Amino acid sequence: TAFLEAEDFEDAVRNAVSLGGDTDTLAAITGSIAEAFFGIPAVLKAE
């Protein structure tokens, strides 16, 4: 759901973290899907 409501990769991760709970795992799952859909900005890959 965090992915489905997102506008881009960063927004997807922020969505996931904003739910609270097991945020690292929640954001990891969301981020893995968001990467495939949106791609990841080069600067974030570098980070």
PDB file of all heavy atoms in Angstrom:
ATOM      1  N   THR A   1       0.828  -1.210   0.000  1.00  0.00           N
ATOM      2  CA  THR A   1       0.000   0.000   0.000  1.00  0.00           C
ATOM      3  C   THR A   1       0.860   1.257   0.000  1.00  0.00           C
ATOM      4  O   THR A   1       0.554   2.240  -0.683  1.00  0.00           O
ATOM      5  CB  THR A   1      -0.939  -0.006   1.207  1.00  0.00           C
ATOM      6  OG1 THR A   1      -1.788  -1.162   1.167  1.00  0.00           O
ATOM      7  CG2 THR A   1      -1.818   1.251   1.224  1.00  0.00           C
ATOM      8  N   ALA A   2       1.949   1.237   0.774  1.00  0.00           N
ATOM      9  CA  ALA A   2       2.865   2.385   0.797  1.00  0.00           C
ATOM     10  C   ALA A   2       3.427   2.646  -0.591  1.00  0.00           C
ATOM     11  O   ALA A   2       3.595   3.804  -1.000  1.00  0.00           O
ATOM     12  CB  ALA A   2       3.994   2.140   1.791  1.00  0.00           C
ATOM     13  N   PHE A   3       3.725   1.584  -1.343  1.00  0.00           N
ATOM     14  CA  PHE A   3       4.173   1.738  -2.723  1.00  0.00           C
ATOM     15  C   PHE A   3       3.052   2.274  -3.613  1.00  0.00           C
ATOM     16  O   PHE A   3       3.248   3.197  -4.409  1.00  0.00           O
ATOM     17  CB  PHE A   3       4.692   0.406  -3.277  1.00  0.00           C
ATOM     18  CG  PHE A   3       4.554   0.279  -4.761  1.00  0.00           C
ATOM     19  CD1 PHE A   3       5.337   1.042  -5.611  1.00  0.00           C
ATOM     20  CD2 PHE A   3       3.618  -0.594  -5.317  1.00  0.00           C
ATOM     21  CE1 PHE A   3       5.201   0.942  -6.991  1.00  0.00           C
ATOM     22  CE2 PHE A   3       3.472  -0.699  -6.688  1.00  0.00           C
ATOM     23  CZ  PHE A   3       4.256   0.071  -7.529  1.00  0.00           C
ATOM     24  N   LEU A   4       1.866   1.709  -3.493  1.00  0.00           N
ATOM     25  CA  LEU A   4       0.767   2.075  -4.380  1.00  0.00           C
ATOM     26  C   LEU A   4       0.371   3.540  -4.243  1.00  0.00           C
ATOM     27  O   LEU A   4      -0.094   4.159  -5.201  1.00  0.00           O
ATOM     28  CB  LEU A   4      -0.444   1.171  -4.123  1.00  0.00           C
ATOM     29  CG  LEU A   4      -0.292  -0.305  -4.515  1.00  0.00           C
ATOM     30  CD1 LEU A   4      -1.494  -1.112  -4.046  1.00  0.00           C
ATOM     31  CD2 LEU A   4      -0.094  -0.454  -6.018  1.00  0.00           C
ATOM     32  N   GLU A   5       0.554   4.121  -3.074  1.00  0.00           N
ATOM     33  CA  GLU A   5       0.194   5.525  -2.859  1.00  0.00           C
ATOM     34  C   GLU A   5       1.337   6.485  -3.159  1.00  0.00           C
ATOM     35  O   GLU A   5       1.168   7.700  -3.032  1.00  0.00           O
ATOM     36  CB  GLU A   5      -0.282   5.734  -1.423  1.00  0.00           C
ATOM     37  CG  GLU A   5      -1.644   5.122  -1.118  1.00  0.00           C
ATOM     38  CD  GLU A   5      -2.247   5.616   0.184  1.00  0.00           C
ATOM     39  OE1 GLU A   5      -1.827   6.684   0.683  1.00  0.00           O
ATOM     40  OE2 GLU A   5      -3.134   4.923   0.716  1.00  0.00           O
ATOM     41  N   ALA A   6       2.481   5.981  -3.571  1.00  0.00           N
ATOM     42  CA  ALA A   6       3.674   6.818  -3.736  1.00  0.00           C
ATOM     43  C   ALA A   6       3.725   7.491  -5.103  1.00  0.00           C
ATOM     44  O   ALA A   6       3.197   6.983  -6.095  1.00  0.00           O
ATOM     45  CB  ALA A   6       4.933   5.993  -3.523  1.00  0.00           C
ATOM     46  N   GLU A   7       4.426   8.625  -5.133  1.00  0.00           N
ATOM     47  CA  GLU A   7       4.657   9.364  -6.370  1.00  0.00           C
ATOM     48  C   GLU A   7       6.014   9.051  -6.982  1.00  0.00           C
ATOM     49  O   GLU A   7       6.208   9.228  -8.185  1.00  0.00           O
ATOM     50  CB  GLU A   7       4.554  10.864  -6.113  1.00  0.00           C
ATOM     51  CG  GLU A   7       3.169  11.313  -5.636  1.00  0.00           C
ATOM     52  CD  GLU A   7       3.110  12.799  -5.351  1.00  0.00           C
ATOM     53  OE1 GLU A   7       4.177  13.463  -5.436  1.00  0.00           O
ATOM     54  OE2 GLU A   7       2.015  13.310  -5.062  1.00  0.00           O
ATOM     55  N   ASP A   8       6.967   8.634  -6.166  1.00  0.00           N
ATOM     56  CA  ASP A   8       8.287   8.267  -6.641  1.00  0.00           C
ATOM     57  C   ASP A   8       8.946   7.392  -5.579  1.00  0.00           C
ATOM     58  O   ASP A   8       8.328   7.062  -4.568  1.00  0.00           O
ATOM     59  CB  ASP A   8       9.158   9.504  -6.950  1.00  0.00           C
ATOM     60  CG  ASP A   8       9.240  10.491  -5.779  1.00  0.00           C
ATOM     61  OD1 ASP A   8       9.226  10.056  -4.603  1.00  0.00           O
ATOM     62  OD2 ASP A   8       9.341  11.718  -6.037  1.00  0.00           O
ATOM     63  N   PHE A   9      10.210   7.004  -5.823  1.00  0.00           N
ATOM     64  CA  PHE A   9      10.870   6.092  -4.897  1.00  0.00           C
ATOM     65  C   PHE A   9      10.965   6.671  -3.489  1.00  0.00           C
ATOM     66  O   PHE A   9      10.618   6.000  -2.509  1.00  0.00           O
ATOM     67  CB  PHE A   9      12.272   5.732  -5.404  1.00  0.00           C
ATOM     68  CG  PHE A   9      13.033   4.874  -4.438  1.00  0.00           C
ATOM     69  CD1 PHE A   9      12.835   3.511  -4.398  1.00  0.00           C
ATOM     70  CD2 PHE A   9      13.942   5.438  -3.547  1.00  0.00           C
ATOM     71  CE1 PHE A   9      13.526   2.712  -3.483  1.00  0.00           C
ATOM     72  CE2 PHE A   9      14.636   4.648  -2.636  1.00  0.00           C
ATOM     73  CZ  PHE A   9      14.428   3.286  -2.616  1.00  0.00           C
ATOM     74  N   GLU A  10      11.448   7.898  -3.392  1.00  0.00           N
ATOM     75  CA  GLU A  10      11.606   8.500  -2.070  1.00  0.00           C
ATOM     76  C   GLU A  10      10.274   8.596  -1.343  1.00  0.00           C
ATOM     77  O   GLU A  10      10.187   8.329  -0.139  1.00  0.00           O
ATOM     78  CB  GLU A  10      12.244   9.882  -2.189  1.00  0.00           C
ATOM     79  CG  GLU A  10      12.466  10.569  -0.840  1.00  0.00           C
ATOM     80  CD  GLU A  10      13.118  11.923  -0.951  1.00  0.00           C
ATOM     81  OE1 GLU A  10      13.937  12.133  -1.876  1.00  0.00           O
ATOM     82  OE2 GLU A  10      12.798  12.808  -0.120  1.00  0.00           O
ATOM     83  N   ASP A  11       9.233   8.972  -2.069  1.00  0.00           N
ATOM     84  CA  ASP A  11       7.914   9.095  -1.467  1.00  0.00           C
ATOM     85  C   ASP A  11       7.428   7.748  -0.950  1.00  0.00           C
ATOM     86  O   ASP A  11       6.781   7.668   0.101  1.00  0.00           O
ATOM     87  CB  ASP A  11       6.932   9.666  -2.485  1.00  0.00           C
ATOM     88  CG  ASP A  11       5.611  10.099  -1.861  1.00  0.00           C
ATOM     89  OD1 ASP A  11       5.643  10.806  -0.833  1.00  0.00           O
ATOM     90  OD2 ASP A  11       4.557   9.731  -2.412  1.00  0.00           O
ATOM     91  N   ALA A  12       7.734   6.679  -1.661  1.00  0.00           N
ATOM     92  CA  ALA A  12       7.341   5.340  -1.233  1.00  0.00           C
ATOM     93  C   ALA A  12       7.984   4.980   0.102  1.00  0.00           C
ATOM     94  O   ALA A  12       7.322   4.465   1.014  1.00  0.00           O
ATOM     95  CB  ALA A  12       7.717   4.311  -2.299  1.00  0.00           C
ATOM     96  N   VAL A  13       9.276   5.234   0.223  1.00  0.00           N
ATOM     97  CA  VAL A  13       9.984   4.931   1.467  1.00  0.00           C
ATOM     98  C   VAL A  13       9.450   5.792   2.604  1.00  0.00           C
ATOM     99  O   VAL A  13       9.258   5.315   3.732  1.00  0.00           O
ATOM    100  CB  VAL A  13      11.501   5.109   1.283  1.00  0.00           C
ATOM    101  CG1 VAL A  13      12.231   4.959   2.615  1.00  0.00           C
ATOM    102  CG2 VAL A  13      12.035   4.094   0.285  1.00  0.00           C
ATOM    103  N   ARG A  14       9.207   7.069   2.325  1.00  0.00           N
ATOM    104  CA  ARG A  14       8.639   7.939   3.358  1.00  0.00           C
ATOM    105  C   ARG A  14       7.252   7.442   3.790  1.00  0.00           C
ATOM    106  O   ARG A  14       6.904   7.492   4.974  1.00  0.00           O
ATOM    107  CB  ARG A  14       8.567   9.378   2.855  1.00  0.00           C
ATOM    108  CG  ARG A  14       9.913  10.063   2.717  1.00  0.00           C
ATOM    109  CD  ARG A  14       9.790  11.529   2.325  1.00  0.00           C
ATOM    110  NE  ARG A  14      11.079  12.182   2.210  1.00  0.00           N
ATOM    111  CZ  ARG A  14      11.785  12.681   3.205  1.00  0.00           C
ATOM    112  NH1 ARG A  14      11.294  12.609   4.449  1.00  0.00           N
ATOM    113  NH2 ARG A  14      12.960  13.252   3.010  1.00  0.00           N
ATOM    114  N   ASN A  15       6.462   6.980   2.838  1.00  0.00           N
ATOM    115  CA  ASN A  15       5.155   6.406   3.171  1.00  0.00           C
ATOM    116  C   ASN A  15       5.307   5.253   4.155  1.00  0.00           C
ATOM    117  O   ASN A  15       4.582   5.164   5.157  1.00  0.00           O
ATOM    118  CB  ASN A  15       4.465   5.901   1.908  1.00  0.00           C
ATOM    119  CG  ASN A  15       3.802   7.002   1.096  1.00  0.00           C
ATOM    120  OD1 ASN A  15       3.603   8.124   1.575  1.00  0.00           O
ATOM    121  ND2 ASN A  15       3.464   6.696  -0.145  1.00  0.00           N
ATOM    122  N   ALA A  16       6.229   4.357   3.862  1.00  0.00           N
ATOM    123  CA  ALA A  16       6.420   3.182   4.699  1.00  0.00           C
ATOM    124  C   ALA A  16       6.857   3.569   6.108  1.00  0.00           C
ATOM    125  O   ALA A  16       6.307   3.084   7.102  1.00  0.00           O
ATOM    126  CB  ALA A  16       7.436   2.244   4.056  1.00  0.00           C
ATOM    127  N   VAL A  17       7.847   4.440   6.191  1.00  0.00           N
ATOM    128  CA  VAL A  17       8.363   4.849   7.496  1.00  0.00           C
ATOM    129  C   VAL A  17       7.286   5.568   8.311  1.00  0.00           C
ATOM    130  O   VAL A  17       7.209   5.429   9.536  1.00  0.00           O
ATOM    131  CB  VAL A  17       9.615   5.730   7.332  1.00  0.00           C
ATOM    132  CG1 VAL A  17      10.066   6.306   8.669  1.00  0.00           C
ATOM    133  CG2 VAL A  17      10.760   4.930   6.692  1.00  0.00           C
ATOM    134  N   SER A  18       6.431   6.317   7.628  1.00  0.00           N
ATOM    135  CA  SER A  18       5.401   7.087   8.331  1.00  0.00           C
ATOM    136  C   SER A  18       4.381   6.212   9.042  1.00  0.00           C
ATOM    137  O   SER A  18       3.665   6.691   9.919  1.00  0.00           O
ATOM    138  CB  SER A  18       4.678   8.024   7.355  1.00  0.00           C
ATOM    139  OG  SER A  18       3.745   7.316   6.538  1.00  0.00           O
ATOM    140  N   LEU A  19       4.294   4.930   8.673  1.00  0.00           N
ATOM    141  CA  LEU A  19       3.352   4.039   9.341  1.00  0.00           C
ATOM    142  C   LEU A  19       3.823   3.638  10.734  1.00  0.00           C
ATOM    143  O   LEU A  19       3.017   3.237  11.582  1.00  0.00           O
ATOM    144  CB  LEU A  19       3.123   2.778   8.497  1.00  0.00           C
ATOM    145  CG  LEU A  19       2.400   2.977   7.170  1.00  0.00           C
ATOM    146  CD1 LEU A  19       2.283   1.658   6.429  1.00  0.00           C
ATOM    147  CD2 LEU A  19       1.017   3.584   7.382  1.00  0.00           C
ATOM    148  N   GLY A  20       5.134   3.731  10.964  1.00  0.00           N
ATOM    149  CA  GLY A  20       5.678   3.283  12.237  1.00  0.00           C
ATOM    150  C   GLY A  20       5.882   1.782  12.237  1.00  0.00           C
ATOM    151  O   GLY A  20       5.930   1.127  11.200  1.00  0.00           O
ATOM    152  N   GLY A  21       6.013   1.212  13.443  1.00  0.00           N
ATOM    153  CA  GLY A  21       6.185  -0.225  13.553  1.00  0.00           C
ATOM    154  C   GLY A  21       7.574  -0.687  13.193  1.00  0.00           C
ATOM    155  O   GLY A  21       8.575  -0.043  13.517  1.00  0.00           O
ATOM    156  N   ASP A  22       7.632  -1.794  12.468  1.00  0.00           N
ATOM    157  CA  ASP A  22       8.906  -2.398  12.049  1.00  0.00           C
ATOM    158  C   ASP A  22       9.396  -1.660  10.797  1.00  0.00           C
ATOM    159  O   ASP A  22       9.427  -2.204   9.694  1.00  0.00           O
ATOM    160  CB  ASP A  22       8.688  -3.882  11.776  1.00  0.00           C
ATOM    161  CG  ASP A  22       9.989  -4.657  11.601  1.00  0.00           C
ATOM    162  OD1 ASP A  22      11.070  -4.069  11.835  1.00  0.00           O
ATOM    163  OD2 ASP A  22       9.931  -5.841  11.237  1.00  0.00           O
ATOM    164  N   THR A  23       9.803  -0.415  10.985  1.00  0.00           N
ATOM    165  CA  THR A  23      10.005   0.505   9.871  1.00  0.00           C
ATOM    166  C   THR A  23      11.103   0.091   8.913  1.00  0.00           C
ATOM    167  O   THR A  23      10.998   0.342   7.706  1.00  0.00           O
ATOM    168  CB  THR A  23      10.317   1.919  10.390  1.00  0.00           C
ATOM    169  OG1 THR A  23      11.352   1.842  11.388  1.00  0.00           O
ATOM    170  CG2 THR A  23       9.073   2.555  11.000  1.00  0.00           C
ATOM    171  N   ASP A  24      12.194  -0.508   9.412  1.00  0.00           N
ATOM    172  CA  ASP A  24      13.267  -0.887   8.490  1.00  0.00           C
ATOM    173  C   ASP A  24      12.818  -1.979   7.534  1.00  0.00           C
ATOM    174  O   ASP A  24      13.066  -1.902   6.317  1.00  0.00           O
ATOM    175  CB  ASP A  24      14.535  -1.280   9.240  1.00  0.00           C
ATOM    176  CG  ASP A  24      14.336  -2.429  10.203  1.00  0.00           C
ATOM    177  OD1 ASP A  24      13.183  -2.679  10.623  1.00  0.00           O
ATOM    178  OD2 ASP A  24      15.345  -3.099  10.553  1.00  0.00           O
ATOM    179  N   THR A  25      12.124  -2.984   8.047  1.00  0.00           N
ATOM    180  CA  THR A  25      11.645  -4.065   7.193  1.00  0.00           C
ATOM    181  C   THR A  25      10.495  -3.597   6.302  1.00  0.00           C
ATOM    182  O   THR A  25      10.432  -3.938   5.123  1.00  0.00           O
ATOM    183  CB  THR A  25      11.210  -5.263   8.039  1.00  0.00           C
ATOM    184  OG1 THR A  25      12.341  -5.746   8.779  1.00  0.00           O
ATOM    185  CG2 THR A  25      10.667  -6.381   7.164  1.00  0.00           C
ATOM    186  N   LEU A  26       9.596  -2.828   6.866  1.00  0.00           N
ATOM    187  CA  LEU A  26       8.480  -2.286   6.089  1.00  0.00           C
ATOM    188  C   LEU A  26       9.002  -1.463   4.916  1.00  0.00           C
ATOM    189  O   LEU A  26       8.549  -1.620   3.771  1.00  0.00           O
ATOM    190  CB  LEU A  26       7.603  -1.435   6.999  1.00  0.00           C
ATOM    191  CG  LEU A  26       6.282  -0.903   6.443  1.00  0.00           C
ATOM    192  CD1 LEU A  26       5.339  -2.043   6.119  1.00  0.00           C
ATOM    193  CD2 LEU A  26       5.631   0.043   7.458  1.00  0.00           C
ATOM    194  N   ALA A  27       9.978  -0.595   5.179  1.00  0.00           N
ATOM    195  CA  ALA A  27      10.541   0.246   4.123  1.00  0.00           C
ATOM    196  C   ALA A  27      11.394  -0.557   3.157  1.00  0.00           C
ATOM    197  O   ALA A  27      11.485  -0.214   1.974  1.00  0.00           O
ATOM    198  CB  ALA A  27      11.360   1.383   4.732  1.00  0.00           C
ATOM    199  N   ALA A  28      12.037  -1.626   3.636  1.00  0.00           N
ATOM    200  CA  ALA A  28      12.826  -2.477   2.746  1.00  0.00           C
ATOM    201  C   ALA A  28      11.930  -3.155   1.716  1.00  0.00           C
ATOM    202  O   ALA A  28      12.255  -3.218   0.526  1.00  0.00           O
ATOM    203  CB  ALA A  28      13.595  -3.524   3.554  1.00  0.00           C
ATOM    204  N   ILE A  29      10.793  -3.667   2.158  1.00  0.00           N
ATOM    205  CA  ILE A  29       9.858  -4.311   1.236  1.00  0.00           C
ATOM    206  C   ILE A  29       9.278  -3.294   0.265  1.00  0.00           C
ATOM    207  O   ILE A  29       9.232  -3.509  -0.948  1.00  0.00           O
ATOM    208  CB  ILE A  29       8.743  -5.034   2.018  1.00  0.00           C
ATOM    209  CG1 ILE A  29       9.335  -6.143   2.891  1.00  0.00           C
ATOM    210  CG2 ILE A  29       7.704  -5.618   1.057  1.00  0.00           C
ATOM    211  CD1 ILE A  29       8.352  -6.732   3.892  1.00  0.00           C
ATOM    212  N   THR A  30       8.842  -2.166   0.795  1.00  0.00           N
ATOM    213  CA  THR A  30       8.312  -1.096  -0.055  1.00  0.00           C
ATOM    214  C   THR A  30       9.363  -0.629  -1.048  1.00  0.00           C
ATOM    215  O   THR A  30       9.087  -0.468  -2.243  1.00  0.00           O
ATOM    216  CB  THR A  30       7.844   0.087   0.802  1.00  0.00           C
ATOM    217  OG1 THR A  30       6.816  -0.333   1.695  1.00  0.00           O
ATOM    218  CG2 THR A  30       7.319   1.218  -0.071  1.00  0.00           C
ATOM    219  N   GLY A  31      10.575  -0.395  -0.556  1.00  0.00           N
ATOM    220  CA  GLY A  31      11.648   0.093  -1.418  1.00  0.00           C
ATOM    221  C   GLY A  31      12.002  -0.875  -2.524  1.00  0.00           C
ATOM    222  O   GLY A  31      12.329  -0.471  -3.643  1.00  0.00           O
ATOM    223  N   SER A  32      11.942  -2.170  -2.233  1.00  0.00           N
ATOM    224  CA  SER A  32      12.277  -3.164  -3.254  1.00  0.00           C
ATOM    225  C   SER A  32      11.287  -3.114  -4.410  1.00  0.00           C
ATOM    226  O   SER A  32      11.671  -3.292  -5.576  1.00  0.00           O
ATOM    227  CB  SER A  32      12.319  -4.562  -2.630  1.00  0.00           C
ATOM    228  OG  SER A  32      11.025  -5.011  -2.233  1.00  0.00           O
ATOM    229  N   ILE A  33      10.012  -2.872  -4.112  1.00  0.00           N
ATOM    230  CA  ILE A  33       8.999  -2.762  -5.162  1.00  0.00           C
ATOM    231  C   ILE A  33       9.113  -1.418  -5.872  1.00  0.00           C
ATOM    232  O   ILE A  33       9.050  -1.338  -7.103  1.00  0.00           O
ATOM    233  CB  ILE A  33       7.593  -2.938  -4.570  1.00  0.00           C
ATOM    234  CG1 ILE A  33       7.478  -4.286  -3.843  1.00  0.00           C
ATOM    235  CG2 ILE A  33       6.535  -2.836  -5.670  1.00  0.00           C
ATOM    236  CD1 ILE A  33       6.217  -4.419  -2.987  1.00  0.00           C
ATOM    237  N   ALA A  34       9.296  -0.358  -5.102  1.00  0.00           N
ATOM    238  CA  ALA A  34       9.379   0.988  -5.672  1.00  0.00           C
ATOM    239  C   ALA A  34      10.560   1.123  -6.622  1.00  0.00           C
ATOM    240  O   ALA A  34      10.478   1.833  -7.631  1.00  0.00           O
ATOM    241  CB  ALA A  34       9.468   2.023  -4.560  1.00  0.00           C
ATOM    242  N   GLU A  35      11.675   0.480  -6.308  1.00  0.00           N
ATOM    243  CA  GLU A  35      12.828   0.521  -7.206  1.00  0.00           C
ATOM    244  C   GLU A  35      12.458  -0.002  -8.589  1.00  0.00           C
ATOM    245  O   GLU A  35      12.817   0.591  -9.613  1.00  0.00           O
ATOM    246  CB  GLU A  35      13.976  -0.314  -6.644  1.00  0.00           C
ATOM    247  CG  GLU A  35      15.160  -0.428  -7.605  1.00  0.00           C
ATOM    248  CD  GLU A  35      16.241  -1.387  -7.122  1.00  0.00           C
ATOM    249  OE1 GLU A  35      15.982  -2.145  -6.162  1.00  0.00           O
ATOM    250  OE2 GLU A  35      17.336  -1.388  -7.714  1.00  0.00           O
ATOM    251  N   ALA A  36      11.742  -1.113  -8.632  1.00  0.00           N
ATOM    252  CA  ALA A  36      11.384  -1.723  -9.905  1.00  0.00           C
ATOM    253  C   ALA A  36      10.394  -0.875 -10.689  1.00  0.00           C
ATOM    254  O   ALA A  36      10.392  -0.886 -11.924  1.00  0.00           O
ATOM    255  CB  ALA A  36      10.803  -3.118  -9.663  1.00  0.00           C
ATOM    256  N   PHE A  37       9.543  -0.133  -9.995  1.00  0.00           N
ATOM    257  CA  PHE A  37       8.518   0.670 -10.662  1.00  0.00           C
ATOM    258  C   PHE A  37       9.025   2.056 -11.036  1.00  0.00           C
ATOM    259  O   PHE A  37       8.839   2.504 -12.175  1.00  0.00           O
ATOM    260  CB  PHE A  37       7.291   0.801  -9.753  1.00  0.00           C
ATOM    261  CG  PHE A  37       6.094   1.416 -10.426  1.00  0.00           C
ATOM    262  CD1 PHE A  37       5.210   0.626 -11.141  1.00  0.00           C
ATOM    263  CD2 PHE A  37       5.849   2.773 -10.338  1.00  0.00           C
ATOM    264  CE1 PHE A  37       4.097   1.191 -11.763  1.00  0.00           C
ATOM    265  CE2 PHE A  37       4.753   3.344 -10.954  1.00  0.00           C
ATOM    266  CZ  PHE A  37       3.864   2.555 -11.671  1.00  0.00           C
ATOM    267  N   PHE A  38       9.635   2.750 -10.098  1.00  0.00           N
ATOM    268  CA  PHE A  38      10.045   4.139 -10.304  1.00  0.00           C
ATOM    269  C   PHE A  38      11.506   4.295 -10.728  1.00  0.00           C
ATOM    270  O   PHE A  38      11.875   5.308 -11.328  1.00  0.00           O
ATOM    271  CB  PHE A  38       9.862   4.948  -9.017  1.00  0.00           C
ATOM    272  CG  PHE A  38       8.455   5.062  -8.533  1.00  0.00           C
ATOM    273  CD1 PHE A  38       8.060   4.411  -7.370  1.00  0.00           C
ATOM    274  CD2 PHE A  38       7.520   5.822  -9.205  1.00  0.00           C
ATOM    275  CE1 PHE A  38       6.764   4.526  -6.895  1.00  0.00           C
ATOM    276  CE2 PHE A  38       6.219   5.951  -8.743  1.00  0.00           C
ATOM    277  CZ  PHE A  38       5.840   5.293  -7.593  1.00  0.00           C
ATOM    278  N   GLY A  39      12.350   3.307 -10.399  1.00  0.00           N
ATOM    279  CA  GLY A  39      13.782   3.536 -10.456  1.00  0.00           C
ATOM    280  C   GLY A  39      14.227   4.300  -9.223  1.00  0.00           C
ATOM    281  O   GLY A  39      13.416   4.730  -8.399  1.00  0.00           O
ATOM    282  N   ILE A  40      15.517   4.477  -9.077  1.00  0.00           N
ATOM    283  CA  ILE A  40      16.084   5.177  -7.932  1.00  0.00           C
ATOM    284  C   ILE A  40      16.996   6.282  -8.441  1.00  0.00           C
ATOM    285  O   ILE A  40      17.846   6.039  -9.292  1.00  0.00           O
ATOM    286  CB  ILE A  40      16.885   4.221  -7.023  1.00  0.00           C
ATOM    287  CG1 ILE A  40      15.993   3.082  -6.519  1.00  0.00           C
ATOM    288  CG2 ILE A  40      17.481   4.973  -5.841  1.00  0.00           C
ATOM    289  CD1 ILE A  40      16.742   2.058  -5.688  1.00  0.00           C
ATOM    290  N   PRO A  41      16.853   7.515  -7.924  1.00  0.00           N
ATOM    291  CA  PRO A  41      17.772   8.594  -8.327  1.00  0.00           C
ATOM    292  C   PRO A  41      19.222   8.207  -8.083  1.00  0.00           C
ATOM    293  O   PRO A  41      19.546   7.523  -7.104  1.00  0.00           O
ATOM    294  CB  PRO A  41      17.352   9.759  -7.427  1.00  0.00           C
ATOM    295  CG  PRO A  41      15.931   9.475  -7.065  1.00  0.00           C
ATOM    296  CD  PRO A  41      15.834   7.979  -6.970  1.00  0.00           C
ATOM    297  N   ALA A  42      20.091   8.644  -8.976  1.00  0.00           N
ATOM    298  CA  ALA A  42      21.499   8.270  -8.888  1.00  0.00           C
ATOM    299  C   ALA A  42      22.120   8.657  -7.555  1.00  0.00           C
ATOM    300  O   ALA A  42      22.940   7.923  -6.995  1.00  0.00           O
ATOM    301  CB  ALA A  42      22.276   8.914 -10.038  1.00  0.00           C
ATOM    302  N   VAL A  43      21.730   9.808  -7.035  1.00  0.00           N
ATOM    303  CA  VAL A  43      22.325  10.268  -5.794  1.00  0.00           C
ATOM    304  C   VAL A  43      21.968   9.347  -4.634  1.00  0.00           C
ATOM    305  O   VAL A  43      22.763   9.132  -3.724  1.00  0.00           O
ATOM    306  CB  VAL A  43      21.926  11.730  -5.497  1.00  0.00           C
ATOM    307  CG1 VAL A  43      20.444  11.852  -5.167  1.00  0.00           C
ATOM    308  CG2 VAL A  43      22.809  12.313  -4.398  1.00  0.00           C
ATOM    309  N   LEU A  44      20.758   8.762  -4.645  1.00  0.00           N
ATOM    310  CA  LEU A  44      20.373   7.830  -3.592  1.00  0.00           C
ATOM    311  C   LEU A  44      21.103   6.498  -3.738  1.00  0.00           C
ATOM    312  O   LEU A  44      21.471   5.868  -2.742  1.00  0.00           O
ATOM    313  CB  LEU A  44      18.863   7.613  -3.591  1.00  0.00           C
ATOM    314  CG  LEU A  44      18.012   8.795  -3.115  1.00  0.00           C
ATOM    315  CD1 LEU A  44      16.530   8.409  -3.095  1.00  0.00           C
ATOM    316  CD2 LEU A  44      18.445   9.249  -1.729  1.00  0.00           C
ATOM    317  N   LYS A  45      21.312   6.059  -4.976  1.00  0.00           N
ATOM    318  CA  LYS A  45      22.116   4.853  -5.179  1.00  0.00           C
ATOM    319  C   LYS A  45      23.525   5.058  -4.646  1.00  0.00           C
ATOM    320  O   LYS A  45      24.097   4.174  -4.002  1.00  0.00           O
ATOM    321  CB  LYS A  45      22.163   4.491  -6.664  1.00  0.00           C
ATOM    322  CG  LYS A  45      20.958   3.737  -7.169  1.00  0.00           C
ATOM    323  CD  LYS A  45      21.220   3.172  -8.543  1.00  0.00           C
ATOM    324  CE  LYS A  45      20.060   2.303  -9.002  1.00  0.00           C
ATOM    325  NZ  LYS A  45      20.308   1.682 -10.331  1.00  0.00           N
ATOM    326  N   ALA A  46      24.069   6.209  -4.941  1.00  0.00           N
ATOM    327  CA  ALA A  46      25.407   6.509  -4.454  1.00  0.00           C
ATOM    328  C   ALA A  46      25.445   6.535  -2.929  1.00  0.00           C
ATOM    329  O   ALA A  46      26.386   6.045  -2.303  1.00  0.00           O
ATOM    330  CB  ALA A  46      25.884   7.843  -5.025  1.00  0.00           C
ATOM    331  N   GLU A  47      24.416   7.104  -2.322  1.00  0.00           N
ATOM    332  CA  GLU A  47      24.333   7.147  -0.863  1.00  0.00           C
ATOM    333  C   GLU A  47      24.260   5.734  -0.297  1.00  0.00           C
ATOM    334  O   GLU A  47      24.878   5.423   0.726  1.00  0.00           O
ATOM    335  CB  GLU A  47      23.106   7.946  -0.435  1.00  0.00           C
ATOM    336  CG  GLU A  47      23.050   8.256   1.044  1.00  0.00           C
ATOM    337  CD  GLU A  47      24.043   9.303   1.484  1.00  0.00           C
ATOM    338  OE1 GLU A  47      24.180  10.320   0.783  1.00  0.00           O
ATOM    339  OE2 GLU A  47      24.684   9.116   2.517  1.00  0.00           O
TER     340      GLU A  47
END
